[in-house]
Structures are given as structure tokens and as C-alpha cells.
Amino acid sequence: MNFEDNYLKSTLYEFNRYKTLGDKTFSQLNEQEIQWSYSEDENSISQIVKHIVGNMLSRWTSFLTEDGEKSWRNRDREFINPYTSKKEMIVAWEKGWTCLFDALSAINKTNFSTTVYIRNEAHTIIEATNRQLAHYASHVGQIVLLGKMQKGDQWKSLSIPKGESKAFNAKKFNS
């Protein structure tokens, strides 16, 4: 496997992993919990998702040919008037991820060296992709934390639960 294919396979895996963390968090939350914020000045899960989706649609629409900061995007509006329902939020979440995955699937060895722009700043495909991966990972981490804060003891761990690493490793490496 060449470098370009390996890089794209790796980033697709990571983007899918973060999407799944969000999906599994949403599945544990109700309508009120996606709207909850720690304080008035903080963002709810619904607001964070609205921002992620706005960013995804802007960055990944015409990824190879247009600046990633689209003139139609209003970033400040992403942090007000969150989605009004969990269903609306999830539909938008899926739309953002579809845009991202479609853009990544269009990258190949013939266009891998294309210079892409974000806010008129030149990026290699690797730089632009890594920038977005880091951005989404940080926000998905916020989503998971907000979900975990609300669910408390009812939270279903999305990875190896505290205190269960030894048992997990024994099962994984002894099977």
C-alpha cells in the first residue's frame, strides 16, 4: 500500500472512530440532555454539533477546489439557536459526516498533491485533513464529557471502563 492510500485509510478509520463516539453518546441521551449546558456561557451538545456540522459542510464541500471557509457559513450563528430536537441534530450530524466522507473518498494519488485552502491559507491535503481531525476530536471529546457528566452512574463506557484494563488485556491477548 502506498503512502497516500495508507494515510487516507488511517484518517478514515480515525474519523469513523470519532463519529462512532458521538453516535454512542447520543444514543444514551434524551431530548433535554442534548440541550443541557454546564452554565449559561457554555455550549450544549446540540450547539457543539451545530458548530461541527457547520464546519464540516464548509470545509469539505468542494474540498479540492474551493476555500474551506465558505461565504455562506455564519460560524457565530452555530453557537446560538441549537437544534430543537435530537432527531434534527442527528440528521444534521449525518449530513456533515456524509459531506466529509464523500470528500475524502474523492482523494486519490492523482489529486493528493493538490493545495487546498482554509481561510485563504494554503494547506497540503495532509495538513487540512489533520487540522479537521484534531478539531473534530476535541469537540467529540466535549460531547462525550457532557454526556458522561449528565448520566453519572448510568453512563455506559465507550471504551474500557475504569478498573477493567487488566481484564480487557487478558481477554484480548489470551484469545
N, C-alpha and C. Protein backbone atom coordinates (compact mmCIF):
# COMPACT_ATOMS: atom_id res chain seq x y z
N MET A 1 0.85 -1.18 0.00
CA MET A 1 0.00 0.00 0.00
C MET A 1 0.89 1.24 0.00
N ASN A 2 0.60 2.19 -0.89
CA ASN A 2 1.42 3.39 -0.95
C ASN A 2 1.04 4.36 0.18
N PHE A 3 1.87 5.38 0.33
CA PHE A 3 1.68 6.34 1.41
C PHE A 3 0.31 7.00 1.37
N GLU A 4 -0.09 7.47 0.20
CA GLU A 4 -1.37 8.17 0.08
C GLU A 4 -2.54 7.29 0.52
N ASP A 5 -2.55 6.05 0.01
CA ASP A 5 -3.62 5.13 0.38
C ASP A 5 -3.61 4.81 1.87
N ASN A 6 -2.41 4.61 2.41
CA ASN A 6 -2.29 4.30 3.83
C ASN A 6 -2.76 5.48 4.69
N TYR A 7 -2.36 6.69 4.29
CA TYR A 7 -2.79 7.89 5.03
C TYR A 7 -4.31 8.03 5.00
N LEU A 8 -4.90 7.89 3.82
CA LEU A 8 -6.36 8.03 3.70
C LEU A 8 -7.09 6.95 4.49
N LYS A 9 -6.60 5.72 4.42
CA LYS A 9 -7.21 4.63 5.19
C LYS A 9 -7.15 4.92 6.69
N SER A 10 -6.01 5.41 7.14
CA SER A 10 -5.83 5.74 8.56
C SER A 10 -6.75 6.88 9.01
N THR A 11 -6.82 7.93 8.20
CA THR A 11 -7.68 9.06 8.60
C THR A 11 -9.16 8.68 8.54
N LEU A 12 -9.54 7.88 7.55
CA LEU A 12 -10.94 7.41 7.50
C LEU A 12 -11.27 6.61 8.76
N TYR A 13 -10.36 5.77 9.18
CA TYR A 13 -10.55 4.98 10.40
C TYR A 13 -10.75 5.91 11.60
N GLU A 14 -9.89 6.92 11.72
CA GLU A 14 -9.98 7.83 12.87
C GLU A 14 -11.26 8.67 12.83
N PHE A 15 -11.60 9.22 11.66
CA PHE A 15 -12.84 9.98 11.55
C PHE A 15 -14.03 9.09 11.93
N ASN A 16 -14.06 7.86 11.43
CA ASN A 16 -15.14 6.93 11.79
C ASN A 16 -15.17 6.66 13.28
N ARG A 17 -14.01 6.55 13.90
CA ARG A 17 -13.95 6.28 15.34
C ARG A 17 -14.56 7.44 16.12
N TYR A 18 -14.25 8.67 15.73
CA TYR A 18 -14.82 9.82 16.44
C TYR A 18 -16.32 9.96 16.17
N LYS A 19 -16.73 9.68 14.95
CA LYS A 19 -18.17 9.71 14.66
C LYS A 19 -18.90 8.71 15.54
N THR A 20 -18.34 7.51 15.68
CA THR A 20 -18.95 6.46 16.49
C THR A 20 -19.03 6.87 17.96
N LEU A 21 -18.02 7.55 18.47
CA LEU A 21 -18.09 8.04 19.86
C LEU A 21 -19.26 9.00 20.03
N GLY A 22 -19.44 9.87 19.06
CA GLY A 22 -20.59 10.78 19.11
C GLY A 22 -21.90 10.02 19.03
N ASP A 23 -21.99 9.08 18.08
CA ASP A 23 -23.21 8.28 17.92
C ASP A 23 -23.57 7.55 19.21
N LYS A 24 -22.57 6.94 19.83
CA LYS A 24 -22.82 6.17 21.06
C LYS A 24 -23.19 7.08 22.23
N THR A 25 -22.68 8.30 22.22
CA THR A 25 -23.08 9.26 23.25
C THR A 25 -24.53 9.67 23.03
N PHE A 26 -24.88 10.02 21.79
CA PHE A 26 -26.26 10.44 21.50
C PHE A 26 -27.26 9.36 21.88
N SER A 27 -26.90 8.11 21.68
CA SER A 27 -27.83 7.01 21.96
C SER A 27 -28.16 6.91 23.45
N GLN A 28 -27.33 7.48 24.29
CA GLN A 28 -27.57 7.43 25.73
C GLN A 28 -28.33 8.65 26.25
N LEU A 29 -28.59 9.61 25.40
CA LEU A 29 -29.15 10.89 25.85
C LEU A 29 -30.56 11.12 25.32
N ASN A 30 -31.34 11.87 26.10
CA ASN A 30 -32.69 12.24 25.67
C ASN A 30 -32.70 13.67 25.15
N GLU A 31 -33.87 14.13 24.79
CA GLU A 31 -34.05 15.48 24.22
C GLU A 31 -33.50 16.58 25.13
N GLN A 32 -33.81 16.49 26.42
CA GLN A 32 -33.38 17.53 27.35
C GLN A 32 -31.86 17.50 27.55
N GLU A 33 -31.29 16.30 27.55
CA GLU A 33 -29.86 16.18 27.82
C GLU A 33 -29.00 16.74 26.69
N ILE A 34 -29.47 16.70 25.46
CA ILE A 34 -28.67 17.29 24.38
C ILE A 34 -28.69 18.82 24.44
N GLN A 35 -29.65 19.38 25.17
CA GLN A 35 -29.76 20.84 25.31
C GLN A 35 -29.06 21.37 26.55
N TRP A 36 -28.68 20.50 27.47
CA TRP A 36 -28.10 20.90 28.75
C TRP A 36 -26.72 21.49 28.57
N SER A 37 -26.42 22.54 29.32
CA SER A 37 -25.05 23.07 29.36
C SER A 37 -24.67 23.29 30.82
N TYR A 38 -23.40 23.21 31.08
CA TYR A 38 -22.87 23.32 32.43
C TYR A 38 -23.21 24.68 33.04
N SER A 39 -23.17 25.72 32.23
CA SER A 39 -23.55 27.06 32.67
C SER A 39 -24.09 27.82 31.46
N GLU A 40 -24.62 28.97 31.72
CA GLU A 40 -25.24 29.77 30.65
C GLU A 40 -24.24 30.13 29.54
N ASP A 41 -22.97 30.30 29.90
CA ASP A 41 -21.96 30.70 28.93
C ASP A 41 -21.35 29.52 28.17
N GLU A 42 -21.72 28.30 28.54
CA GLU A 42 -21.14 27.12 27.91
C GLU A 42 -22.07 26.58 26.82
N ASN A 43 -21.53 25.73 25.97
CA ASN A 43 -22.31 25.16 24.87
C ASN A 43 -22.93 23.83 25.28
N SER A 44 -24.12 23.59 24.77
CA SER A 44 -24.77 22.29 24.93
C SER A 44 -24.25 21.36 23.84
N ILE A 45 -24.56 20.09 23.97
CA ILE A 45 -24.21 19.13 22.92
C ILE A 45 -24.82 19.56 21.59
N SER A 46 -26.06 20.01 21.63
CA SER A 46 -26.74 20.45 20.41
C SER A 46 -25.99 21.60 19.75
N GLN A 47 -25.48 22.54 20.53
CA GLN A 47 -24.74 23.66 19.96
C GLN A 47 -23.39 23.20 19.40
N ILE A 48 -22.72 22.31 20.11
CA ILE A 48 -21.43 21.80 19.62
C ILE A 48 -21.63 21.07 18.30
N VAL A 49 -22.68 20.25 18.23
CA VAL A 49 -22.95 19.52 16.99
C VAL A 49 -23.25 20.51 15.86
N LYS A 50 -24.02 21.55 16.16
CA LYS A 50 -24.33 22.55 15.13
C LYS A 50 -23.05 23.18 14.60
N HIS A 51 -22.11 23.45 15.48
CA HIS A 51 -20.82 24.01 15.06
C HIS A 51 -20.02 23.00 14.23
N ILE A 52 -19.95 21.77 14.69
CA ILE A 52 -19.20 20.74 13.95
C ILE A 52 -19.78 20.59 12.54
N VAL A 53 -21.10 20.52 12.45
CA VAL A 53 -21.75 20.35 11.15
C VAL A 53 -21.47 21.55 10.25
N GLY A 54 -21.59 22.75 10.80
CA GLY A 54 -21.28 23.95 10.01
C GLY A 54 -19.86 23.91 9.48
N ASN A 55 -18.95 23.50 10.35
CA ASN A 55 -17.55 23.40 9.95
C ASN A 55 -17.36 22.34 8.88
N MET A 56 -17.97 21.17 9.07
CA MET A 56 -17.82 20.09 8.09
C MET A 56 -18.35 20.50 6.72
N LEU A 57 -19.53 21.08 6.70
CA LEU A 57 -20.12 21.47 5.42
C LEU A 57 -19.26 22.53 4.73
N SER A 58 -18.72 23.45 5.51
CA SER A 58 -17.88 24.49 4.93
C SER A 58 -16.55 23.92 4.45
N ARG A 59 -15.89 23.15 5.29
CA ARG A 59 -14.55 22.65 4.96
C ARG A 59 -14.54 21.60 3.85
N TRP A 60 -15.56 20.71 3.83
CA TRP A 60 -15.49 19.56 2.95
C TRP A 60 -16.30 19.69 1.66
N THR A 61 -17.18 20.69 1.56
CA THR A 61 -17.89 20.93 0.30
C THR A 61 -16.88 21.50 -0.70
N SER A 62 -16.75 20.87 -1.84
CA SER A 62 -15.79 21.29 -2.87
C SER A 62 -14.39 21.44 -2.28
N PHE A 63 -14.02 20.46 -1.48
CA PHE A 63 -12.76 20.45 -0.73
C PHE A 63 -11.54 20.75 -1.58
N LEU A 64 -11.48 20.16 -2.75
CA LEU A 64 -10.29 20.29 -3.59
C LEU A 64 -10.27 21.55 -4.45
N THR A 65 -11.41 22.26 -4.53
CA THR A 65 -11.49 23.36 -5.49
C THR A 65 -11.89 24.71 -4.90
N GLU A 66 -12.40 24.73 -3.68
CA GLU A 66 -12.84 25.99 -3.07
C GLU A 66 -12.24 26.16 -1.68
N ASP A 67 -12.11 27.40 -1.26
CA ASP A 67 -11.65 27.67 0.10
C ASP A 67 -12.59 27.00 1.10
N GLY A 68 -12.03 26.44 2.16
CA GLY A 68 -12.82 25.73 3.17
C GLY A 68 -13.65 26.64 4.04
N GLU A 69 -13.45 27.93 3.98
CA GLU A 69 -14.30 28.86 4.72
C GLU A 69 -15.24 29.50 3.71
N LYS A 70 -16.44 28.93 3.61
CA LYS A 70 -17.40 29.37 2.59
C LYS A 70 -18.07 30.69 2.98
N SER A 71 -18.41 31.47 1.98
CA SER A 71 -19.07 32.76 2.23
C SER A 71 -20.46 32.58 2.84
N TRP A 72 -21.09 31.42 2.62
CA TRP A 72 -22.44 31.18 3.15
C TRP A 72 -22.43 30.71 4.60
N ARG A 73 -21.26 30.41 5.14
CA ARG A 73 -21.19 29.95 6.52
C ARG A 73 -21.23 31.14 7.48
N ASN A 74 -22.03 31.01 8.53
CA ASN A 74 -22.05 32.01 9.59
C ASN A 74 -21.68 31.30 10.89
N ARG A 75 -20.40 31.25 11.18
CA ARG A 75 -19.88 30.50 12.32
C ARG A 75 -20.51 30.96 13.64
N ASP A 76 -20.67 32.26 13.83
CA ASP A 76 -21.23 32.76 15.09
C ASP A 76 -22.64 32.25 15.34
N ARG A 77 -23.40 32.07 14.26
CA ARG A 77 -24.77 31.57 14.41
C ARG A 77 -24.82 30.10 14.85
N GLU A 78 -23.72 29.39 14.62
CA GLU A 78 -23.67 27.98 15.02
C GLU A 78 -23.76 27.81 16.53
N PHE A 79 -23.44 28.86 17.27
CA PHE A 79 -23.43 28.77 18.73
C PHE A 79 -24.69 29.35 19.38
N ILE A 80 -25.66 29.72 18.57
CA ILE A 80 -26.95 30.16 19.10
C ILE A 80 -28.05 29.32 18.45
N ASN A 81 -29.21 29.36 19.01
CA ASN A 81 -30.33 28.60 18.48
C ASN A 81 -29.94 27.16 18.12
N PRO A 82 -29.62 26.35 19.13
CA PRO A 82 -29.23 24.96 18.84
C PRO A 82 -30.38 24.21 18.18
N TYR A 83 -30.07 23.02 17.69
CA TYR A 83 -31.11 22.18 17.11
C TYR A 83 -32.21 21.99 18.15
N THR A 84 -33.44 21.97 17.70
CA THR A 84 -34.57 21.92 18.64
C THR A 84 -34.95 20.50 19.03
N SER A 85 -34.44 19.50 18.32
CA SER A 85 -34.75 18.12 18.68
C SER A 85 -33.53 17.24 18.43
N LYS A 86 -33.53 16.13 19.12
CA LYS A 86 -32.45 15.16 18.92
C LYS A 86 -32.46 14.64 17.49
N LYS A 87 -33.64 14.40 16.94
CA LYS A 87 -33.75 13.91 15.57
C LYS A 87 -33.15 14.92 14.59
N GLU A 88 -33.49 16.20 14.73
CA GLU A 88 -32.94 17.24 13.86
C GLU A 88 -31.42 17.28 13.98
N MET A 89 -30.92 17.16 15.20
CA MET A 89 -29.48 17.19 15.44
C MET A 89 -28.78 16.02 14.74
N ILE A 90 -29.35 14.83 14.88
CA ILE A 90 -28.74 13.64 14.29
C ILE A 90 -28.79 13.68 12.77
N VAL A 91 -29.87 14.19 12.20
CA VAL A 91 -29.95 14.33 10.74
C VAL A 91 -28.84 15.26 10.25
N ALA A 92 -28.64 16.37 10.95
CA ALA A 92 -27.57 17.31 10.57
C ALA A 92 -26.20 16.67 10.76
N TRP A 93 -26.01 15.98 11.87
CA TRP A 93 -24.75 15.27 12.17
C TRP A 93 -24.40 14.32 11.02
N GLU A 94 -25.37 13.54 10.58
CA GLU A 94 -25.15 12.60 9.47
C GLU A 94 -24.81 13.33 8.18
N LYS A 95 -25.47 14.45 7.94
CA LYS A 95 -25.21 15.24 6.73
C LYS A 95 -23.76 15.74 6.72
N GLY A 96 -23.29 16.22 7.87
CA GLY A 96 -21.92 16.70 7.97
C GLY A 96 -20.91 15.59 7.71
N TRP A 97 -21.14 14.44 8.34
CA TRP A 97 -20.21 13.32 8.17
C TRP A 97 -20.26 12.79 6.73
N THR A 98 -21.42 12.77 6.12
CA THR A 98 -21.53 12.33 4.72
C THR A 98 -20.70 13.24 3.83
N CYS A 99 -20.78 14.54 4.06
CA CYS A 99 -20.00 15.50 3.28
C CYS A 99 -18.51 15.22 3.44
N LEU A 100 -18.07 15.00 4.66
CA LEU A 100 -16.67 14.70 4.94
C LEU A 100 -16.24 13.42 4.23
N PHE A 101 -16.99 12.34 4.44
CA PHE A 101 -16.60 11.05 3.86
C PHE A 101 -16.64 11.08 2.32
N ASP A 102 -17.59 11.80 1.75
CA ASP A 102 -17.63 11.94 0.29
C ASP A 102 -16.39 12.67 -0.22
N ALA A 103 -16.00 13.72 0.49
CA ALA A 103 -14.81 14.47 0.07
C ALA A 103 -13.56 13.61 0.18
N LEU A 104 -13.42 12.88 1.27
CA LEU A 104 -12.25 12.03 1.42
C LEU A 104 -12.20 10.93 0.37
N SER A 105 -13.37 10.42 0.00
CA SER A 105 -13.39 9.34 -0.99
C SER A 105 -13.00 9.83 -2.38
N ALA A 106 -13.04 11.14 -2.60
CA ALA A 106 -12.67 11.71 -3.89
C ALA A 106 -11.16 11.95 -4.01
N ILE A 107 -10.44 11.77 -2.90
CA ILE A 107 -9.00 11.98 -2.93
C ILE A 107 -8.32 10.68 -3.39
N ASN A 108 -7.37 10.85 -4.29
CA ASN A 108 -6.60 9.70 -4.78
C ASN A 108 -5.20 10.17 -5.16
N LYS A 109 -4.39 9.26 -5.68
CA LYS A 109 -3.00 9.62 -5.97
C LYS A 109 -2.88 10.68 -7.06
N THR A 110 -3.88 10.85 -7.90
CA THR A 110 -3.80 11.87 -8.95
C THR A 110 -4.06 13.28 -8.42
N ASN A 111 -4.75 13.40 -7.28
CA ASN A 111 -5.03 14.74 -6.75
C ASN A 111 -4.50 14.93 -5.32
N PHE A 112 -3.76 13.96 -4.82
CA PHE A 112 -3.27 14.01 -3.44
C PHE A 112 -2.33 15.19 -3.19
N SER A 113 -1.67 15.67 -4.21
CA SER A 113 -0.74 16.79 -4.03
C SER A 113 -1.41 18.15 -4.23
N THR A 114 -2.72 18.17 -4.38
CA THR A 114 -3.46 19.42 -4.55
C THR A 114 -3.30 20.30 -3.31
N THR A 115 -3.08 21.58 -3.55
CA THR A 115 -3.07 22.54 -2.45
C THR A 115 -4.51 22.96 -2.19
N VAL A 116 -4.93 22.87 -0.94
CA VAL A 116 -6.27 23.30 -0.56
C VAL A 116 -6.15 24.50 0.38
N TYR A 117 -7.22 25.27 0.47
CA TYR A 117 -7.18 26.50 1.25
C TYR A 117 -8.26 26.49 2.33
N ILE A 118 -7.87 27.01 3.47
CA ILE A 118 -8.80 27.27 4.56
C ILE A 118 -8.54 28.70 5.02
N ARG A 119 -9.55 29.54 4.90
CA ARG A 119 -9.42 30.96 5.20
C ARG A 119 -8.24 31.59 4.44
N ASN A 120 -8.15 31.21 3.17
CA ASN A 120 -7.13 31.71 2.25
C ASN A 120 -5.71 31.30 2.63
N GLU A 121 -5.55 30.33 3.52
CA GLU A 121 -4.25 29.81 3.91
C GLU A 121 -4.03 28.47 3.21
N ALA A 122 -2.89 28.34 2.54
CA ALA A 122 -2.58 27.13 1.79
C ALA A 122 -2.27 25.96 2.73
N HIS A 123 -2.82 24.80 2.39
CA HIS A 123 -2.59 23.56 3.14
C HIS A 123 -2.36 22.41 2.16
N THR A 124 -1.51 21.48 2.55
CA THR A 124 -1.50 20.22 1.84
C THR A 124 -2.76 19.47 2.26
N ILE A 125 -3.10 18.44 1.54
CA ILE A 125 -4.25 17.63 1.93
C ILE A 125 -4.02 17.04 3.32
N ILE A 126 -2.80 16.63 3.59
CA ILE A 126 -2.49 16.08 4.91
C ILE A 126 -2.70 17.14 6.00
N GLU A 127 -2.20 18.33 5.77
CA GLU A 127 -2.37 19.40 6.78
C GLU A 127 -3.84 19.74 7.01
N ALA A 128 -4.58 19.89 5.93
CA ALA A 128 -6.00 20.24 6.06
C ALA A 128 -6.78 19.12 6.76
N THR A 129 -6.49 17.89 6.39
CA THR A 129 -7.19 16.75 6.98
C THR A 129 -6.83 16.61 8.46
N ASN A 130 -5.55 16.72 8.78
CA ASN A 130 -5.14 16.63 10.18
C ASN A 130 -5.74 17.76 11.01
N ARG A 131 -5.82 18.95 10.44
CA ARG A 131 -6.42 20.08 11.13
C ARG A 131 -7.87 19.76 11.51
N GLN A 132 -8.61 19.20 10.56
CA GLN A 132 -10.02 18.88 10.82
C GLN A 132 -10.16 17.70 11.78
N LEU A 133 -9.31 16.71 11.64
CA LEU A 133 -9.36 15.57 12.55
C LEU A 133 -9.15 16.02 13.99
N ALA A 134 -8.17 16.88 14.21
CA ALA A 134 -7.91 17.39 15.57
C ALA A 134 -9.09 18.22 16.07
N HIS A 135 -9.65 19.03 15.19
CA HIS A 135 -10.78 19.88 15.57
C HIS A 135 -11.98 19.04 15.99
N TYR A 136 -12.33 18.06 15.18
CA TYR A 136 -13.50 17.23 15.49
C TYR A 136 -13.26 16.36 16.71
N ALA A 137 -12.03 15.87 16.87
CA ALA A 137 -11.71 15.04 18.04
C ALA A 137 -11.91 15.85 19.33
N SER A 138 -11.50 17.11 19.31
CA SER A 138 -11.66 17.92 20.53
C SER A 138 -13.14 18.15 20.84
N HIS A 139 -13.94 18.40 19.82
CA HIS A 139 -15.37 18.63 20.06
C HIS A 139 -16.11 17.35 20.42
N VAL A 140 -15.74 16.24 19.82
CA VAL A 140 -16.37 14.97 20.20
C VAL A 140 -16.02 14.66 21.65
N GLY A 141 -14.80 14.96 22.06
CA GLY A 141 -14.43 14.80 23.46
C GLY A 141 -15.32 15.63 24.38
N GLN A 142 -15.65 16.86 23.97
CA GLN A 142 -16.57 17.69 24.76
C GLN A 142 -17.95 17.04 24.83
N ILE A 143 -18.42 16.53 23.70
CA ILE A 143 -19.73 15.88 23.65
C ILE A 143 -19.77 14.70 24.61
N VAL A 144 -18.75 13.86 24.56
CA VAL A 144 -18.69 12.69 25.43
C VAL A 144 -18.67 13.13 26.89
N LEU A 145 -17.86 14.11 27.22
CA LEU A 145 -17.79 14.58 28.60
C LEU A 145 -19.13 15.12 29.08
N LEU A 146 -19.79 15.92 28.25
CA LEU A 146 -21.10 16.46 28.65
C LEU A 146 -22.11 15.33 28.85
N GLY A 147 -22.08 14.33 27.99
CA GLY A 147 -22.96 13.19 28.16
C GLY A 147 -22.66 12.44 29.45
N LYS A 148 -21.40 12.20 29.69
CA LYS A 148 -20.97 11.47 30.89
C LYS A 148 -21.32 12.24 32.16
N MET A 149 -21.15 13.55 32.13
CA MET A 149 -21.49 14.39 33.30
C MET A 149 -22.97 14.24 33.66
N GLN A 150 -23.80 14.19 32.65
CA GLN A 150 -25.24 14.12 32.90
C GLN A 150 -25.70 12.73 33.33
N LYS A 151 -25.13 11.71 32.75
CA LYS A 151 -25.59 10.35 33.02
C LYS A 151 -25.04 9.79 34.33
N GLY A 152 -23.89 10.27 34.77
CA GLY A 152 -23.31 9.79 36.01
C GLY A 152 -23.16 8.28 36.02
N ASP A 153 -23.70 7.62 37.05
CA ASP A 153 -23.59 6.17 37.19
C ASP A 153 -24.31 5.40 36.08
N GLN A 154 -25.21 6.06 35.36
CA GLN A 154 -25.94 5.39 34.28
C GLN A 154 -25.16 5.40 32.96
N TRP A 155 -24.02 6.09 32.94
CA TRP A 155 -23.22 6.18 31.72
C TRP A 155 -22.66 4.82 31.35
N LYS A 156 -22.81 4.47 30.08
CA LYS A 156 -22.22 3.23 29.56
C LYS A 156 -20.91 3.61 28.88
N SER A 157 -19.82 3.09 29.41
CA SER A 157 -18.49 3.43 28.92
C SER A 157 -18.37 3.18 27.42
N LEU A 158 -17.66 4.06 26.74
CA LEU A 158 -17.45 3.94 25.31
C LEU A 158 -16.11 3.27 24.99
N SER A 159 -15.38 2.96 26.02
CA SER A 159 -14.10 2.27 25.84
C SER A 159 -13.94 1.29 27.00
N ILE A 160 -12.74 1.08 27.45
CA ILE A 160 -12.50 0.17 28.57
C ILE A 160 -12.88 0.91 29.85
N PRO A 161 -13.87 0.41 30.61
CA PRO A 161 -14.27 1.09 31.84
C PRO A 161 -13.13 1.15 32.86
N LYS A 162 -13.18 2.15 33.72
CA LYS A 162 -12.18 2.28 34.79
C LYS A 162 -12.04 0.98 35.55
N GLY A 163 -10.80 0.64 35.81
CA GLY A 163 -10.53 -0.55 36.61
C GLY A 163 -10.64 -1.87 35.88
N GLU A 164 -10.91 -1.84 34.57
CA GLU A 164 -11.10 -3.09 33.83
C GLU A 164 -10.04 -3.33 32.76
N SER A 165 -8.96 -2.55 32.80
CA SER A 165 -7.90 -2.70 31.80
C SER A 165 -7.24 -4.06 31.86
N LYS A 166 -6.95 -4.53 33.05
CA LYS A 166 -6.26 -5.81 33.20
C LYS A 166 -7.12 -6.94 32.61
N ALA A 167 -8.40 -6.95 32.93
CA ALA A 167 -9.29 -7.99 32.41
C ALA A 167 -9.43 -7.87 30.88
N PHE A 168 -9.51 -6.64 30.38
CA PHE A 168 -9.61 -6.42 28.94
C PHE A 168 -8.37 -6.95 28.24
N ASN A 169 -7.19 -6.60 28.76
CA ASN A 169 -5.93 -7.04 28.15
C ASN A 169 -5.78 -8.55 28.21
N ALA A 170 -6.17 -9.14 29.33
CA ALA A 170 -6.06 -10.60 29.46
C ALA A 170 -6.93 -11.29 28.42
N LYS A 171 -8.13 -10.77 28.24
CA LYS A 171 -9.07 -11.34 27.25
C LYS A 171 -8.54 -11.12 25.82
N LYS A 172 -8.05 -9.92 25.54
CA LYS A 172 -7.59 -9.57 24.21
C LYS A 172 -6.35 -10.35 23.81
N PHE A 173 -5.40 -10.48 24.73
CA PHE A 173 -4.12 -11.09 24.39
C PHE A 173 -4.07 -12.58 24.63
N ASN A 174 -5.08 -13.13 25.28
CA ASN A 174 -5.10 -14.58 25.55
C ASN A 174 -6.14 -15.30 24.71
N SER A 175 -6.77 -14.58 23.78
CA SER A 175 -7.79 -15.26 22.96
C SER A 175 -7.20 -15.91 21.75
